[in-house]
Amino acid sequence: MEISIYKNTFSPTDAIENFLDFYYSSKMCYLAGDLLSKGLTPDQISDAVLNAMKAVSSSGNDVREHFMLVFSQRNNEMFKDCKLSKMGYALVLLNADVEVSLVGKWQIKVLEKFLD
């Protein structure tokens, strides 16, 4: 059985917004859930994503360009996940728990490139 979304009327604004969502989504090639296999816990990932979204929002940028809530499946379990742009993924790693080796190493690498 397929699920479809039905709206009685569409406005040109809806069409533009839907196109933009599709366009932004096509640029998002990372999943926050993939960080589970890198040693982060679901709570650490959620906190990092939330802080990354706040950083984008407070800087005056559009959150939906970098983050899209989706559902993923792992080990036959469905869970809430987040598609990320390259910028979104970087911000999640910048806001993740530095006690996780991957996070600390990545942050050092970014700063080394920035400071060169």
Protein backbone atom coordinates (compact mmCIF):
# COMPACT_ATOMS: atom_id res chain seq x y z
CA MET A 1 0.00 0.00 0.00
CA GLU A 2 1.37 3.41 -0.94
CA ILE A 3 0.83 6.50 1.12
CA SER A 4 0.13 9.72 -0.67
CA ILE A 5 -0.36 13.20 0.65
CA TYR A 6 -3.49 14.86 -0.62
CA LYS A 7 -4.18 18.56 -0.57
CA ASN A 8 -7.39 19.98 -1.94
CA THR A 9 -5.67 23.09 -3.31
CA PHE A 10 -2.12 24.07 -4.06
CA SER A 11 -0.73 27.56 -4.08
CA PRO A 12 2.29 28.66 -6.09
CA THR A 13 4.07 29.20 -2.77
CA ASP A 14 3.55 25.52 -1.86
CA ALA A 15 5.08 24.45 -5.17
CA ILE A 16 8.12 26.66 -4.65
CA GLU A 17 8.58 25.46 -1.06
CA ASN A 18 8.30 21.81 -2.15
CA PHE A 19 10.85 22.39 -4.90
CA LEU A 20 13.25 24.04 -2.44
CA ASP A 21 12.86 21.15 0.02
CA PHE A 22 13.64 18.69 -2.78
CA TYR A 23 16.60 20.76 -3.97
CA TYR A 24 18.10 21.12 -0.48
CA SER A 25 17.54 17.42 0.22
CA SER A 26 19.45 16.49 -2.94
CA LYS A 27 22.51 18.28 -1.51
CA MET A 28 22.37 16.37 1.77
CA CYS A 29 24.55 13.29 1.50
CA TYR A 30 25.16 12.56 5.18
CA LEU A 31 23.00 11.01 7.91
CA ALA A 32 23.42 11.85 11.57
CA GLY A 33 22.59 8.22 12.38
CA ASP A 34 25.80 7.11 10.67
CA LEU A 35 27.67 8.60 13.62
CA LEU A 36 26.39 5.71 15.73
CA SER A 37 28.97 3.49 14.08
CA LYS A 38 31.66 6.08 14.87
CA GLY A 39 31.14 5.79 18.63
CA LEU A 40 28.56 8.45 19.41
CA THR A 41 25.42 7.57 21.35
CA PRO A 42 21.92 8.56 20.19
CA ASP A 43 21.74 11.22 22.93
CA GLN A 44 25.12 12.67 21.94
CA ILE A 45 24.03 12.83 18.31
CA SER A 46 20.70 14.46 19.19
CA ASP A 47 22.42 17.10 21.32
CA ALA A 48 25.00 17.81 18.62
CA VAL A 49 22.34 18.11 15.89
CA LEU A 50 20.24 20.44 18.04
CA ASN A 51 23.23 22.68 18.79
CA ALA A 52 24.29 22.67 15.13
CA MET A 53 20.77 23.70 14.10
CA LYS A 54 20.84 26.51 16.67
CA ALA A 55 24.18 27.70 15.25
CA VAL A 56 22.75 27.86 11.73
CA SER A 57 19.62 29.62 12.90
CA SER A 58 21.41 32.16 15.11
CA SER A 59 23.77 33.03 12.26
CA GLY A 60 20.79 34.02 10.11
CA ASN A 61 20.95 31.05 7.73
CA ASP A 62 18.10 28.75 6.70
CA VAL A 63 18.14 25.56 8.80
CA ARG A 64 16.34 23.55 6.12
CA GLU A 65 19.29 24.03 3.73
CA HIS A 66 21.42 21.85 6.00
CA PHE A 67 19.10 19.63 8.09
CA MET A 68 16.11 17.46 7.18
CA LEU A 69 14.38 15.16 9.60
CA VAL A 70 13.88 11.66 8.17
CA PHE A 71 13.39 8.10 9.37
CA SER A 72 16.16 5.53 8.99
CA GLN A 73 16.37 1.83 9.59
CA ARG A 74 19.19 -0.02 11.29
CA ASN A 75 19.10 -3.61 12.57
CA ASN A 76 15.42 -3.87 11.59
CA GLU A 77 14.53 -0.88 13.78
CA MET A 78 13.15 2.43 12.57
CA PHE A 79 14.43 5.60 14.24
CA LYS A 80 14.34 9.35 13.75
CA ASP A 81 17.36 10.54 11.85
CA CYS A 82 18.54 13.71 10.17
CA LYS A 83 19.91 14.20 6.66
CA LEU A 84 22.80 16.63 6.67
CA SER A 85 24.54 18.82 4.14
CA LYS A 86 28.32 19.02 4.24
CA MET A 87 28.00 22.15 6.41
CA GLY A 88 25.43 20.44 8.64
CA TYR A 89 27.68 17.40 9.11
CA ALA A 90 30.63 19.63 9.97
CA LEU A 91 28.57 21.58 12.48
CA VAL A 92 27.34 18.37 14.11
CA LEU A 93 30.94 17.21 14.54
CA LEU A 94 31.93 20.60 15.93
CA ASN A 95 29.13 20.33 18.49
CA ALA A 96 29.57 16.65 19.36
CA ASP A 97 31.10 15.25 22.54
CA VAL A 98 34.88 15.67 22.31
CA GLU A 99 35.46 12.61 24.46
CA VAL A 100 34.71 10.56 21.34
CA SER A 101 38.05 10.09 19.56
CA LEU A 102 36.66 10.75 16.07
CA VAL A 103 35.23 14.10 17.16
CA GLY A 104 38.41 15.35 18.82
CA LYS A 105 40.60 14.29 15.90
CA TRP A 106 38.24 15.90 13.38
CA GLN A 107 38.13 19.18 15.31
CA ILE A 108 41.94 19.31 15.47
CA LYS A 109 42.19 18.62 11.73
CA VAL A 110 39.72 21.43 10.94
CA LEU A 111 41.58 23.91 13.13
CA GLU A 112 44.94 22.95 11.62
CA LYS A 113 43.58 23.71 8.15
CA PHE A 114 41.99 26.94 9.34
CA LEU A 115 45.15 28.15 11.06
CA ASP A 116 47.43 27.47 8.08
